[in-house]
Amino acid sequence: MKAAMTAEKQVVIALWKLAMPDCYQSVRNQFGVGKSTVGTAVIQVANAISNQLSHCYCCLLCAP
């Protein structure tokens, strides 16, 4: 069984993927993880950021 990936590594992978125009295969090779792991890390980090910042913006559709 493989060891769980650290949160720090997930953030680095996600930031790398979002900052660079590389494909998942390239990011996978850069960090030595599977292609699906890259996708999962990007989604999880994006969701975490979204959840943390969701209270910081107002929704124009919710305005009376």
Protein backbone atom coordinates (compact mmCIF):
# COMPACT_ATOMS: atom_id res chain seq x y z
CA MET A 1 0.00 0.00 0.00
CA LYS A 2 1.31 3.45 -0.89
CA ALA A 3 1.74 6.14 1.74
CA ALA A 4 -0.73 9.00 1.67
CA MET A 5 0.43 12.15 -0.10
CA THR A 6 1.05 15.11 2.18
CA ALA A 7 -1.12 18.19 1.97
CA GLU A 8 1.96 20.23 1.10
CA LYS A 9 2.69 18.04 -1.92
CA GLN A 10 -0.94 18.26 -3.05
CA VAL A 11 -0.81 22.06 -2.89
CA VAL A 12 2.48 22.18 -4.81
CA ILE A 13 1.11 19.86 -7.51
CA ALA A 14 -2.09 21.87 -7.80
CA LEU A 15 -0.28 25.21 -7.98
CA TRP A 16 2.16 23.84 -10.55
CA LYS A 17 -0.67 22.55 -12.72
CA LEU A 18 -2.63 25.79 -12.46
CA ALA A 19 0.42 28.00 -13.09
CA MET A 20 1.99 26.07 -15.96
CA PRO A 21 0.44 25.13 -19.30
CA ASP A 22 1.71 21.57 -18.83
CA CYS A 23 -0.47 18.55 -19.42
CA TYR A 24 -1.27 16.12 -16.61
CA GLN A 25 1.32 13.70 -17.99
CA SER A 26 4.08 16.31 -17.66
CA VAL A 27 3.06 17.21 -14.10
CA ARG A 28 2.86 13.52 -13.26
CA ASN A 29 6.43 12.99 -14.42
CA GLN A 30 7.64 16.11 -12.60
CA PHE A 31 6.35 14.91 -9.22
CA GLY A 32 6.45 11.13 -9.63
CA VAL A 33 2.73 10.54 -9.10
CA GLY A 34 -0.08 9.09 -11.18
CA LYS A 35 -2.07 11.14 -13.68
CA SER A 36 -5.27 10.66 -11.69
CA THR A 37 -3.43 11.78 -8.55
CA VAL A 38 -2.64 15.09 -10.25
CA GLY A 39 -6.31 15.57 -11.13
CA THR A 40 -7.43 14.66 -7.63
CA ALA A 41 -4.91 17.03 -6.04
CA VAL A 42 -6.02 19.92 -8.27
CA ILE A 43 -9.70 19.34 -7.47
CA GLN A 44 -9.15 18.92 -3.72
CA VAL A 45 -6.97 22.03 -3.42
CA ALA A 46 -9.36 24.10 -5.53
CA ASN A 47 -12.29 22.96 -3.38
CA ALA A 48 -10.40 23.73 -0.16
CA ILE A 49 -9.53 27.23 -1.38
CA SER A 50 -13.10 27.78 -2.52
CA ASN A 51 -14.50 26.64 0.83
CA GLN A 52 -12.12 28.90 2.76
CA LEU A 53 -12.86 31.96 0.63
CA SER A 54 -16.57 31.42 0.05
CA HIS A 55 -17.51 33.76 2.90
CA CYS A 56 -15.25 36.54 1.52
CA TYR A 57 -17.26 37.42 -1.55
CA CYS A 58 -20.87 38.41 -2.08
CA CYS A 59 -23.14 36.70 -4.50
CA LEU A 60 -24.82 39.14 -6.87
CA LEU A 61 -27.56 36.61 -7.57
CA CYS A 62 -28.39 36.50 -3.87
CA ALA A 63 -28.90 40.25 -3.55
CA PRO A 64 -32.50 41.33 -2.91
